[in-house]
Amino acid sequence: MEKLISCCGLNCASCDARIATLANDDELRRQTAEKWRVMYNSPDITPEMINCTGCRKEGAKIGHWAVCGMRACASSKGFNTCGQCNTLLNCDTIKPVLQFAPDAVENLKSA
């Protein structure tokens, strides 16, 4: 399976937002917005917001990209991902992602 590891260790290659963007699939955008509204308790997510090529790739970015603390922190330290940081496992900024997606640590180690 293709891997495209984000700053926080999520695999963008398997993300429905990226898949919908690359395929220009409005139905997948609608389904993803519906799922994310519930999953993230964020009723304001619309299908039009579901456009992203991945945080480390050129192109469209999901709205959260601009305020993502993990991306900003890694970038400020000159890192491509949080996996380059020696405080990764003790970091309060990335902790919620690692609890939600435990495979992110392995992704970061292999990125």
PDB file of N, CA and C in Angstrom:
ATOM      1  N   MET A   1       0.829  -1.178   0.000  1.00  0.00           N
ATOM      2  CA  MET A   1       0.000   0.000   0.000  1.00  0.00           C
ATOM      3  C   MET A   1       0.880   1.251   0.000  1.00  0.00           C
ATOM      4  N   GLU A   2       0.466   2.226  -0.780  1.00  0.00           N
ATOM      5  CA  GLU A   2       1.191   3.487  -0.859  1.00  0.00           C
ATOM      6  C   GLU A   2       1.127   4.203   0.481  1.00  0.00           C
ATOM      7  N   LYS A   3       2.218   4.866   0.835  1.00  0.00           N
ATOM      8  CA  LYS A   3       2.242   5.672   2.048  1.00  0.00           C
ATOM      9  C   LYS A   3       2.667   7.082   1.689  1.00  0.00           C
ATOM     10  N   LEU A   4       1.967   8.019   2.279  1.00  0.00           N
ATOM     11  CA  LEU A   4       2.282   9.433   2.168  1.00  0.00           C
ATOM     12  C   LEU A   4       2.075   9.985   3.568  1.00  0.00           C
ATOM     13  N   ILE A   5       3.138  10.009   4.344  1.00  0.00           N
ATOM     14  CA  ILE A   5       3.041  10.298   5.782  1.00  0.00           C
ATOM     15  C   ILE A   5       3.002  11.805   6.030  1.00  0.00           C
ATOM     16  N   SER A   6       1.992  12.207   6.789  1.00  0.00           N
ATOM     17  CA  SER A   6       1.813  13.615   7.151  1.00  0.00           C
ATOM     18  C   SER A   6       2.780  13.993   8.271  1.00  0.00           C
ATOM     19  N   CYS A   7       2.781  15.256   8.614  1.00  0.00           N
ATOM     20  CA  CYS A   7       3.631  15.743   9.706  1.00  0.00           C
ATOM     21  C   CYS A   7       3.371  14.976  11.001  1.00  0.00           C
ATOM     22  N   CYS A   8       2.108  14.626  11.253  1.00  0.00           N
ATOM     23  CA  CYS A   8       1.735  13.968  12.505  1.00  0.00           C
ATOM     24  C   CYS A   8       1.740  12.443  12.419  1.00  0.00           C
ATOM     25  N   GLY A   9       2.005  11.888  11.246  1.00  0.00           N
ATOM     26  CA  GLY A   9       2.105  10.445  11.122  1.00  0.00           C
ATOM     27  C   GLY A   9       0.905   9.767  10.489  1.00  0.00           C
ATOM     28  N   LEU A  10      -0.140  10.517  10.185  1.00  0.00           N
ATOM     29  CA  LEU A  10      -1.268   9.907   9.486  1.00  0.00           C
ATOM     30  C   LEU A  10      -0.853   9.613   8.050  1.00  0.00           C
ATOM     31  N   ASN A  11      -1.440   8.592   7.465  1.00  0.00           N
ATOM     32  CA  ASN A  11      -1.119   8.229   6.088  1.00  0.00           C
ATOM     33  C   ASN A  11      -2.101   8.919   5.152  1.00  0.00           C
ATOM     34  N   CYS A  12      -1.677  10.002   4.534  1.00  0.00           N
ATOM     35  CA  CYS A  12      -2.534  10.766   3.632  1.00  0.00           C
ATOM     36  C   CYS A  12      -2.977   9.938   2.429  1.00  0.00           C
ATOM     37  N   ALA A  13      -2.189   8.950   2.038  1.00  0.00           N
ATOM     38  CA  ALA A  13      -2.541   8.133   0.877  1.00  0.00           C
ATOM     39  C   ALA A  13      -3.854   7.384   1.090  1.00  0.00           C
ATOM     40  N   SER A  14      -4.198   7.099   2.330  1.00  0.00           N
ATOM     41  CA  SER A  14      -5.445   6.380   2.604  1.00  0.00           C
ATOM     42  C   SER A  14      -6.551   7.298   3.120  1.00  0.00           C
ATOM     43  N   CYS A  15      -6.324   8.600   3.103  1.00  0.00           N
ATOM     44  CA  CYS A  15      -7.300   9.573   3.606  1.00  0.00           C
ATOM     45  C   CYS A  15      -8.372   9.831   2.548  1.00  0.00           C
ATOM     46  N   ASP A  16      -9.632   9.743   2.966  1.00  0.00           N
ATOM     47  CA  ASP A  16     -10.741   9.965   2.044  1.00  0.00           C
ATOM     48  C   ASP A  16     -10.738  11.368   1.437  1.00  0.00           C
ATOM     49  N   ALA A  17     -10.267  12.367   2.179  1.00  0.00           N
ATOM     50  CA  ALA A  17     -10.209  13.727   1.638  1.00  0.00           C
ATOM     51  C   ALA A  17      -9.232  13.784   0.465  1.00  0.00           C
ATOM     52  N   ARG A  18      -8.087  13.170   0.611  1.00  0.00           N
ATOM     53  CA  ARG A  18      -7.099  13.166  -0.477  1.00  0.00           C
ATOM     54  C   ARG A  18      -7.600  12.352  -1.659  1.00  0.00           C
ATOM     55  N   ILE A  19      -8.172  11.201  -1.375  1.00  0.00           N
ATOM     56  CA  ILE A  19      -8.695  10.346  -2.443  1.00  0.00           C
ATOM     57  C   ILE A  19      -9.783  11.087  -3.225  1.00  0.00           C
ATOM     58  N   ALA A  20     -10.695  11.746  -2.510  1.00  0.00           N
ATOM     59  CA  ALA A  20     -11.767  12.501  -3.163  1.00  0.00           C
ATOM     60  C   ALA A  20     -11.205  13.653  -3.992  1.00  0.00           C
ATOM     61  N   THR A  21     -10.184  14.314  -3.472  1.00  0.00           N
ATOM     62  CA  THR A  21      -9.573  15.433  -4.186  1.00  0.00           C
ATOM     63  C   THR A  21      -8.920  14.967  -5.477  1.00  0.00           C
ATOM     64  N   LEU A  22      -8.111  13.929  -5.383  1.00  0.00           N
ATOM     65  CA  LEU A  22      -7.401  13.451  -6.577  1.00  0.00           C
ATOM     66  C   LEU A  22      -8.348  12.906  -7.636  1.00  0.00           C
ATOM     67  N   ALA A  23      -9.448  12.292  -7.193  1.00  0.00           N
ATOM     68  CA  ALA A  23     -10.416  11.719  -8.130  1.00  0.00           C
ATOM     69  C   ALA A  23     -11.524  12.714  -8.500  1.00  0.00           C
ATOM     70  N   ASN A  24     -11.504  13.890  -7.881  1.00  0.00           N
ATOM     71  CA  ASN A  24     -12.571  14.873  -8.048  1.00  0.00           C
ATOM     72  C   ASN A  24     -13.939  14.213  -7.853  1.00  0.00           C
ATOM     73  N   ASP A  25     -14.054  13.500  -6.746  1.00  0.00           N
ATOM     74  CA  ASP A  25     -15.227  12.679  -6.443  1.00  0.00           C
ATOM     75  C   ASP A  25     -16.129  13.395  -5.434  1.00  0.00           C
ATOM     76  N   ASP A  26     -17.163  14.046  -5.938  1.00  0.00           N
ATOM     77  CA  ASP A  26     -18.059  14.808  -5.069  1.00  0.00           C
ATOM     78  C   ASP A  26     -18.858  13.924  -4.118  1.00  0.00           C
ATOM     79  N   GLU A  27     -19.182  12.715  -4.521  1.00  0.00           N
ATOM     80  CA  GLU A  27     -19.912  11.815  -3.635  1.00  0.00           C
ATOM     81  C   GLU A  27     -19.043  11.405  -2.454  1.00  0.00           C
ATOM     82  N   LEU A  28     -17.774  11.122  -2.694  1.00  0.00           N
ATOM     83  CA  LEU A  28     -16.867  10.795  -1.593  1.00  0.00           C
ATOM     84  C   LEU A  28     -16.660  12.013  -0.693  1.00  0.00           C
ATOM     85  N   ARG A  29     -16.606  13.200  -1.272  1.00  0.00           N
ATOM     86  CA  ARG A  29     -16.519  14.418  -0.459  1.00  0.00           C
ATOM     87  C   ARG A  29     -17.732  14.520   0.469  1.00  0.00           C
ATOM     88  N   ARG A  30     -18.925  14.274  -0.077  1.00  0.00           N
ATOM     89  CA  ARG A  30     -20.149  14.337   0.715  1.00  0.00           C
ATOM     90  C   ARG A  30     -20.123  13.315   1.841  1.00  0.00           C
ATOM     91  N   GLN A  31     -19.738  12.078   1.519  1.00  0.00           N
ATOM     92  CA  GLN A  31     -19.673  11.012   2.525  1.00  0.00           C
ATOM     93  C   GLN A  31     -18.637  11.329   3.600  1.00  0.00           C
ATOM     94  N   THR A  32     -17.505  11.849   3.179  1.00  0.00           N
ATOM     95  CA  THR A  32     -16.433  12.178   4.120  1.00  0.00           C
ATOM     96  C   THR A  32     -16.861  13.311   5.048  1.00  0.00           C
ATOM     97  N   ALA A  33     -17.479  14.334   4.501  1.00  0.00           N
ATOM     98  CA  ALA A  33     -17.963  15.446   5.331  1.00  0.00           C
ATOM     99  C   ALA A  33     -18.970  14.934   6.354  1.00  0.00           C
ATOM    100  N   GLU A  34     -19.866  14.080   5.915  1.00  0.00           N
ATOM    101  CA  GLU A  34     -20.877  13.509   6.817  1.00  0.00           C
ATOM    102  C   GLU A  34     -20.212  12.717   7.952  1.00  0.00           C
ATOM    103  N   LYS A  35     -19.259  11.878   7.579  1.00  0.00           N
ATOM    104  CA  LYS A  35     -18.545  11.062   8.574  1.00  0.00           C
ATOM    105  C   LYS A  35     -17.739  11.932   9.534  1.00  0.00           C
ATOM    106  N   TRP A  36     -17.025  12.926   9.011  1.00  0.00           N
ATOM    107  CA  TRP A  36     -16.183  13.779   9.840  1.00  0.00           C
ATOM    108  C   TRP A  36     -16.997  14.693  10.747  1.00  0.00           C
ATOM    109  N   ARG A  37     -18.188  15.102  10.305  1.00  0.00           N
ATOM    110  CA  ARG A  37     -19.042  15.926  11.179  1.00  0.00           C
ATOM    111  C   ARG A  37     -19.318  15.191  12.490  1.00  0.00           C
ATOM    112  N   VAL A  38     -19.581  13.894  12.375  1.00  0.00           N
ATOM    113  CA  VAL A  38     -19.856  13.075  13.561  1.00  0.00           C
ATOM    114  C   VAL A  38     -18.553  12.753  14.291  1.00  0.00           C
ATOM    115  N   MET A  39     -17.568  12.272  13.560  1.00  0.00           N
ATOM    116  CA  MET A  39     -16.311  11.808  14.145  1.00  0.00           C
ATOM    117  C   MET A  39     -15.594  12.910  14.930  1.00  0.00           C
ATOM    118  N   TYR A  40     -15.597  14.117  14.397  1.00  0.00           N
ATOM    119  CA  TYR A  40     -14.883  15.229  15.030  1.00  0.00           C
ATOM    120  C   TYR A  40     -15.820  16.195  15.762  1.00  0.00           C
ATOM    121  N   ASN A  41     -17.095  15.798  15.877  1.00  0.00           N
ATOM    122  CA  ASN A  41     -18.094  16.640  16.533  1.00  0.00           C
ATOM    123  C   ASN A  41     -18.015  18.065  15.997  1.00  0.00           C
ATOM    124  N   SER A  42     -18.038  18.172  14.669  1.00  0.00           N
ATOM    125  CA  SER A  42     -17.877  19.455  13.992  1.00  0.00           C
ATOM    126  C   SER A  42     -18.953  19.588  12.912  1.00  0.00           C
ATOM    127  N   PRO A  43     -20.135  20.061  13.302  1.00  0.00           N
ATOM    128  CA  PRO A  43     -21.260  20.125  12.373  1.00  0.00           C
ATOM    129  C   PRO A  43     -21.071  21.081  11.199  1.00  0.00           C
ATOM    130  N   ASP A  44     -20.040  21.907  11.228  1.00  0.00           N
ATOM    131  CA  ASP A  44     -19.818  22.883  10.167  1.00  0.00           C
ATOM    132  C   ASP A  44     -19.049  22.337   8.969  1.00  0.00           C
ATOM    133  N   ILE A  45     -18.589  21.096   9.022  1.00  0.00           N
ATOM    134  CA  ILE A  45     -17.830  20.526   7.902  1.00  0.00           C
ATOM    135  C   ILE A  45     -18.781  20.289   6.729  1.00  0.00           C
ATOM    136  N   THR A  46     -18.394  20.825   5.582  1.00  0.00           N
ATOM    137  CA  THR A  46     -19.194  20.670   4.366  1.00  0.00           C
ATOM    138  C   THR A  46     -18.395  19.907   3.308  1.00  0.00           C
ATOM    139  N   PRO A  47     -19.076  19.335   2.317  1.00  0.00           N
ATOM    140  CA  PRO A  47     -18.353  18.649   1.240  1.00  0.00           C
ATOM    141  C   PRO A  47     -17.365  19.568   0.518  1.00  0.00           C
ATOM    142  N   GLU A  48     -17.691  20.848   0.427  1.00  0.00           N
ATOM    143  CA  GLU A  48     -16.805  21.799  -0.251  1.00  0.00           C
ATOM    144  C   GLU A  48     -15.480  21.968   0.478  1.00  0.00           C
ATOM    145  N   MET A  49     -15.444  21.635   1.759  1.00  0.00           N
ATOM    146  CA  MET A  49     -14.209  21.736   2.544  1.00  0.00           C
ATOM    147  C   MET A  49     -13.299  20.526   2.336  1.00  0.00           C
ATOM    148  N   ILE A  50     -13.799  19.490   1.742  1.00  0.00           N
ATOM    149  CA  ILE A  50     -13.051  18.244   1.592  1.00  0.00           C
ATOM    150  C   ILE A  50     -12.203  18.313   0.319  1.00  0.00           C
ATOM    151  N   ASN A  51     -11.094  18.995   0.419  1.00  0.00           N
ATOM    152  CA  ASN A  51     -10.122  19.143  -0.661  1.00  0.00           C
ATOM    153  C   ASN A  51      -8.741  19.192  -0.045  1.00  0.00           C
ATOM    154  N   CYS A  52      -7.931  18.174  -0.303  1.00  0.00           N
ATOM    155  CA  CYS A  52      -6.594  18.136   0.262  1.00  0.00           C
ATOM    156  C   CYS A  52      -5.731  17.152  -0.528  1.00  0.00           C
ATOM    157  N   THR A  53      -4.502  17.549  -0.773  1.00  0.00           N
ATOM    158  CA  THR A  53      -3.556  16.651  -1.429  1.00  0.00           C
ATOM    159  C   THR A  53      -2.550  16.071  -0.437  1.00  0.00           C
ATOM    160  N   GLY A  54      -2.671  16.487   0.827  1.00  0.00           N
ATOM    161  CA  GLY A  54      -1.742  16.040   1.867  1.00  0.00           C
ATOM    162  C   GLY A  54      -0.927  17.219   2.359  1.00  0.00           C
ATOM    163  N   CYS A  55      -0.640  17.248   3.657  1.00  0.00           N
ATOM    164  CA  CYS A  55       0.006  18.433   4.234  1.00  0.00           C
ATOM    165  C   CYS A  55       1.440  18.630   3.764  1.00  0.00           C
ATOM    166  N   ARG A  56       2.043  17.588   3.218  1.00  0.00           N
ATOM    167  CA  ARG A  56       3.435  17.710   2.780  1.00  0.00           C
ATOM    168  C   ARG A  56       3.560  17.696   1.258  1.00  0.00           C
ATOM    169  N   LYS A  57       2.453  17.843   0.566  1.00  0.00           N
ATOM    170  CA  LYS A  57       2.441  17.863  -0.898  1.00  0.00           C
ATOM    171  C   LYS A  57       1.895  19.198  -1.386  1.00  0.00           C
ATOM    172  N   GLU A  58       2.306  19.593  -2.577  1.00  0.00           N
ATOM    173  CA  GLU A  58       1.760  20.798  -3.197  1.00  0.00           C
ATOM    174  C   GLU A  58       0.287  20.564  -3.502  1.00  0.00           C
ATOM    175  N   GLY A  59      -0.471  21.634  -3.497  1.00  0.00           N
ATOM    176  CA  GLY A  59      -1.870  21.548  -3.887  1.00  0.00           C
ATOM    177  C   GLY A  59      -2.818  21.926  -2.772  1.00  0.00           C
ATOM    178  N   ALA A  60      -4.064  21.552  -2.936  1.00  0.00           N
ATOM    179  CA  ALA A  60      -5.131  21.915  -2.006  1.00  0.00           C
ATOM    180  C   ALA A  60      -4.842  21.398  -0.605  1.00  0.00           C
ATOM    181  N   LYS A  61      -5.302  22.159   0.373  1.00  0.00           N
ATOM    182  CA  LYS A  61      -5.133  21.779   1.783  1.00  0.00           C
ATOM    183  C   LYS A  61      -6.478  21.868   2.488  1.00  0.00           C
ATOM    184  N   ILE A  62      -6.725  20.927   3.369  1.00  0.00           N
ATOM    185  CA  ILE A  62      -7.912  20.970   4.212  1.00  0.00           C
ATOM    186  C   ILE A  62      -7.788  22.205   5.108  1.00  0.00           C
ATOM    187  N   GLY A  63      -8.880  22.811   5.503  1.00  0.00           N
ATOM    188  CA  GLY A  63      -8.849  24.056   6.267  1.00  0.00           C
ATOM    189  C   GLY A  63      -8.007  24.000   7.531  1.00  0.00           C
ATOM    190  N   HIS A  64      -7.991  22.852   8.193  1.00  0.00           N
ATOM    191  CA  HIS A  64      -7.235  22.710   9.446  1.00  0.00           C
ATOM    192  C   HIS A  64      -5.736  22.887   9.244  1.00  0.00           C
ATOM    193  N   TRP A  65      -5.248  22.679   8.032  1.00  0.00           N
ATOM    194  CA  TRP A  65      -3.824  22.754   7.730  1.00  0.00           C
ATOM    195  C   TRP A  65      -3.228  24.080   8.219  1.00  0.00           C
ATOM    196  N   ALA A  66      -3.952  25.162   8.004  1.00  0.00           N
ATOM    197  CA  ALA A  66      -3.425  26.488   8.339  1.00  0.00           C
ATOM    198  C   ALA A  66      -3.214  26.676   9.838  1.00  0.00           C
ATOM    199  N   VAL A  67      -3.949  25.950  10.660  1.00  0.00           N
ATOM    200  CA  VAL A  67      -3.852  26.118  12.110  1.00  0.00           C
ATOM    201  C   VAL A  67      -3.332  24.869  12.821  1.00  0.00           C
ATOM    202  N   CYS A  68      -2.856  23.902  12.080  1.00  0.00           N
ATOM    203  CA  CYS A  68      -2.388  22.646  12.672  1.00  0.00           C
ATOM    204  C   CYS A  68      -1.130  22.892  13.506  1.00  0.00           C
ATOM    205  N   GLY A  69      -1.240  22.674  14.800  1.00  0.00           N
ATOM    206  CA  GLY A  69      -0.120  22.888  15.709  1.00  0.00           C
ATOM    207  C   GLY A  69       1.045  21.952  15.454  1.00  0.00           C
ATOM    208  N   MET A  70       0.756  20.729  15.040  1.00  0.00           N
ATOM    209  CA  MET A  70       1.826  19.761  14.776  1.00  0.00           C
ATOM    210  C   MET A  70       2.634  20.166  13.551  1.00  0.00           C
ATOM    211  N   ARG A  71       1.942  20.566  12.485  1.00  0.00           N
ATOM    212  CA  ARG A  71       2.626  20.998  11.271  1.00  0.00           C
ATOM    213  C   ARG A  71       3.456  22.239  11.559  1.00  0.00           C
ATOM    214  N   ALA A  72       2.869  23.196  12.278  1.00  0.00           N
ATOM    215  CA  ALA A  72       3.576  24.441  12.592  1.00  0.00           C
ATOM    216  C   ALA A  72       4.813  24.174  13.443  1.00  0.00           C
ATOM    217  N   CYS A  73       4.681  23.296  14.427  1.00  0.00           N
ATOM    218  CA  CYS A  73       5.810  22.993  15.312  1.00  0.00           C
ATOM    219  C   CYS A  73       6.938  22.303  14.531  1.00  0.00           C
ATOM    220  N   ALA A  74       6.583  21.286  13.763  1.00  0.00           N
ATOM    221  CA  ALA A  74       7.600  20.569  12.977  1.00  0.00           C
ATOM    222  C   ALA A  74       8.302  21.528  12.018  1.00  0.00           C
ATOM    223  N   SER A  75       7.524  22.352  11.355  1.00  0.00           N
ATOM    224  CA  SER A  75       8.085  23.309  10.405  1.00  0.00           C
ATOM    225  C   SER A  75       9.014  24.304  11.096  1.00  0.00           C
ATOM    226  N   SER A  76       8.616  24.781  12.281  1.00  0.00           N
ATOM    227  CA  SER A  76       9.442  25.759  13.001  1.00  0.00           C
ATOM    228  C   SER A  76      10.783  25.178  13.425  1.00  0.00           C
ATOM    229  N   LYS A  77      10.841  23.852  13.565  1.00  0.00           N
ATOM    230  CA  LYS A  77      12.084  23.178  13.965  1.00  0.00           C
ATOM    231  C   LYS A  77      12.868  22.674  12.754  1.00  0.00           C
ATOM    232  N   GLY A  78      12.336  22.930  11.549  1.00  0.00           N
ATOM    233  CA  GLY A  78      12.998  22.476  10.336  1.00  0.00           C
ATOM    234  C   GLY A  78      12.795  20.999  10.052  1.00  0.00           C
ATOM    235  N   PHE A  79      11.787  20.398  10.663  1.00  0.00           N
ATOM    236  CA  PHE A  79      11.507  18.974  10.488  1.00  0.00           C
ATOM    237  C   PHE A  79      10.467  18.763   9.388  1.00  0.00           C
ATOM    238  N   ASN A  80      10.566  17.627   8.708  1.00  0.00           N
ATOM    239  CA  ASN A  80       9.531  17.225   7.759  1.00  0.00           C
ATOM    240  C   ASN A  80       8.329  16.637   8.491  1.00  0.00           C
ATOM    241  N   THR A  81       8.601  15.894   9.561  1.00  0.00           N
ATOM    242  CA  THR A  81       7.541  15.269  10.354  1.00  0.00           C
ATOM    243  C   THR A  81       7.897  15.355  11.832  1.00  0.00           C
ATOM    244  N   CYS A  82       6.908  15.077  12.654  1.00  0.00           N
ATOM    245  CA  CYS A  82       7.133  15.044  14.102  1.00  0.00           C
ATOM    246  C   CYS A  82       8.056  13.876  14.493  1.00  0.00           C
ATOM    247  N   GLY A  83       8.213  12.916  13.614  1.00  0.00           N
ATOM    248  CA  GLY A  83       9.084  11.775  13.889  1.00  0.00           C
ATOM    249  C   GLY A  83      10.543  12.148  14.026  1.00  0.00           C
ATOM    250  N   GLN A  84      10.924  13.319  13.570  1.00  0.00           N
ATOM    251  CA  GLN A  84      12.301  13.771  13.687  1.00  0.00           C
ATOM    252  C   GLN A  84      12.588  14.414  15.045  1.00  0.00           C
ATOM    253  N   CYS A  85      11.544  14.603  15.832  1.00  0.00           N
ATOM    254  CA  CYS A  85      11.694  15.283  17.124  1.00  0.00           C
ATOM    255  C   CYS A  85      11.975  14.275  18.229  1.00  0.00           C
ATOM    256  N   ASN A  86      12.938  14.572  19.089  1.00  0.00           N
ATOM    257  CA  ASN A  86      13.293  13.632  20.156  1.00  0.00           C
ATOM    258  C   ASN A  86      12.300  13.641  21.314  1.00  0.00           C
ATOM    259  N   THR A  87      11.306  14.531  21.285  1.00  0.00           N
ATOM    260  CA  THR A  87      10.279  14.536  22.339  1.00  0.00           C
ATOM    261  C   THR A  87       8.944  13.976  21.836  1.00  0.00           C
ATOM    262  N   LEU A  88       8.948  13.306  20.712  1.00  0.00           N
ATOM    263  CA  LEU A  88       7.726  12.790  20.091  1.00  0.00           C
ATOM    264  C   LEU A  88       6.802  12.074  21.073  1.00  0.00           C
ATOM    265  N   LEU A  89       7.309  11.110  21.788  1.00  0.00           N
ATOM    266  CA  LEU A  89       6.454  10.283  22.643  1.00  0.00           C
ATOM    267  C   LEU A  89       5.977  10.995  23.908  1.00  0.00           C
ATOM    268  N   ASN A  90       6.548  12.147  24.212  1.00  0.00           N
ATOM    269  CA  ASN A  90       6.135  12.917  25.389  1.00  0.00           C
ATOM    270  C   ASN A  90       5.491  14.247  25.011  1.00  0.00           C
ATOM    271  N   CYS A  91       5.148  14.426  23.757  1.00  0.00           N
ATOM    272  CA  CYS A  91       4.649  15.704  23.260  1.00  0.00           C
ATOM    273  C   CYS A  91       3.134  15.823  23.438  1.00  0.00           C
ATOM    274  N   ASP A  92       2.708  16.869  24.138  1.00  0.00           N
ATOM    275  CA  ASP A  92       1.279  17.101  24.347  1.00  0.00           C
ATOM    276  C   ASP A  92       0.567  17.550  23.072  1.00  0.00           C
ATOM    277  N   THR A  93       1.307  18.142  22.137  1.00  0.00           N
ATOM    278  CA  THR A  93       0.696  18.622  20.899  1.00  0.00           C
ATOM    279  C   THR A  93       0.234  17.460  20.025  1.00  0.00           C
ATOM    280  N   ILE A  94       1.049  16.428  19.890  1.00  0.00           N
ATOM    281  CA  ILE A  94       0.712  15.306  19.018  1.00  0.00           C
ATOM    282  C   ILE A  94      -0.031  14.185  19.761  1.00  0.00           C
ATOM    283  N   LYS A  95      -0.058  14.253  21.063  1.00  0.00           N
ATOM    284  CA  LYS A  95      -0.663  13.197  21.883  1.00  0.00           C
ATOM    285  C   LYS A  95      -2.068  12.775  21.424  1.00  0.00           C
ATOM    286  N   PRO A  96      -2.983  13.707  21.125  1.00  0.00           N
ATOM    287  CA  PRO A  96      -4.323  13.279  20.677  1.00  0.00           C
ATOM    288  C   PRO A  96      -4.297  12.451  19.392  1.00  0.00           C
ATOM    289  N   VAL A  97      -3.415  12.785  18.468  1.00  0.00           N
ATOM    290  CA  VAL A  97      -3.327  12.014  17.225  1.00  0.00           C
ATOM    291  C   VAL A  97      -2.808  10.611  17.517  1.00  0.00           C
ATOM    292  N   LEU A  98      -1.798  10.515  18.353  1.00  0.00           N
ATOM    293  CA  LEU A  98      -1.218   9.210  18.660  1.00  0.00           C
ATOM    294  C   LEU A  98      -2.208   8.330  19.417  1.00  0.00           C
ATOM    295  N   GLN A  99      -3.102   8.927  20.198  1.00  0.00           N
ATOM    296  CA  GLN A  99      -4.138   8.145  20.883  1.00  0.00           C
ATOM    297  C   GLN A  99      -5.208   7.693  19.898  1.00  0.00           C
ATOM    298  N   PHE A 100      -5.545   8.553  18.950  1.00  0.00           N
ATOM    299  CA  PHE A 100      -6.570   8.269  17.948  1.00  0.00           C
ATOM    300  C   PHE A 100      -6.057   7.307  16.877  1.00  0.00           C
ATOM    301  N   ALA A 101      -4.790   7.431  16.523  1.00  0.00           N
ATOM    302  CA  ALA A 101      -4.186   6.635  15.447  1.00  0.00           C
ATOM    303  C   ALA A 101      -2.836   6.094  15.904  1.00  0.00           C
ATOM    304  N   PRO A 102      -2.847   5.024  16.684  1.00  0.00           N
ATOM    305  CA  PRO A 102      -1.592   4.492  17.224  1.00  0.00           C
ATOM    306  C   PRO A 102      -0.563   4.093  16.159  1.00  0.00           C
ATOM    307  N   ASP A 103      -1.000   3.787  14.940  1.00  0.00           N
ATOM    308  CA  ASP A 103      -0.056   3.430  13.878  1.00  0.00           C
ATOM    309  C   ASP A 103       0.735   4.643  13.398  1.00  0.00           C
ATOM    310  N   ALA A 104       0.363   5.836  13.841  1.00  0.00           N
ATOM    311  CA  ALA A 104       1.072   7.049  13.421  1.00  0.00           C
ATOM    312  C   ALA A 104       2.532   7.022  13.887  1.00  0.00           C
ATOM    313  N   VAL A 105       2.807   6.456  15.062  1.00  0.00           N
ATOM    314  CA  VAL A 105       4.189   6.401  15.552  1.00  0.00           C
ATOM    315  C   VAL A 105       5.035   5.551  14.607  1.00  0.00           C
ATOM    316  N   GLU A 106       4.520   4.405  14.201  1.00  0.00           N
ATOM    317  CA  GLU A 106       5.262   3.555  13.261  1.00  0.00           C
ATOM    318  C   GLU A 106       5.450   4.252  11.928  1.00  0.00           C
ATOM    319  N   ASN A 107       4.406   4.952  11.470  1.00  0.00           N
ATOM    320  CA  ASN A 107       4.526   5.715  10.219  1.00  0.00           C
ATOM    321  C   ASN A 107       5.619   6.756  10.331  1.00  0.00           C
ATOM    322  N   LEU A 108       5.678   7.444  11.460  1.00  0.00           N
ATOM    323  CA  LEU A 108       6.696   8.480  11.648  1.00  0.00           C
ATOM    324  C   LEU A 108       8.103   7.888  11.700  1.00  0.00           C
ATOM    325  N   LYS A 109       8.228   6.715  12.270  1.00  0.00           N
ATOM    326  CA  LYS A 109       9.550   6.072  12.332  1.00  0.00           C
ATOM    327  C   LYS A 109      10.024   5.655  10.953  1.00  0.00           C
ATOM    328  N   SER A 110       9.085   5.363  10.049  1.00  0.00           N
ATOM    329  CA  SER A 110       9.464   4.896   8.721  1.00  0.00           C
ATOM    330  C   SER A 110       9.478   6.015   7.677  1.00  0.00           C
ATOM    331  N   ALA A 111       9.048   7.215   8.063  1.00  0.00           N
ATOM    332  CA  ALA A 111       8.952   8.322   7.091  1.00  0.00           C
ATOM    333  C   ALA A 111      10.302   8.895   6.746  1.00  0.00           C
TER     334      ALA A 111
END
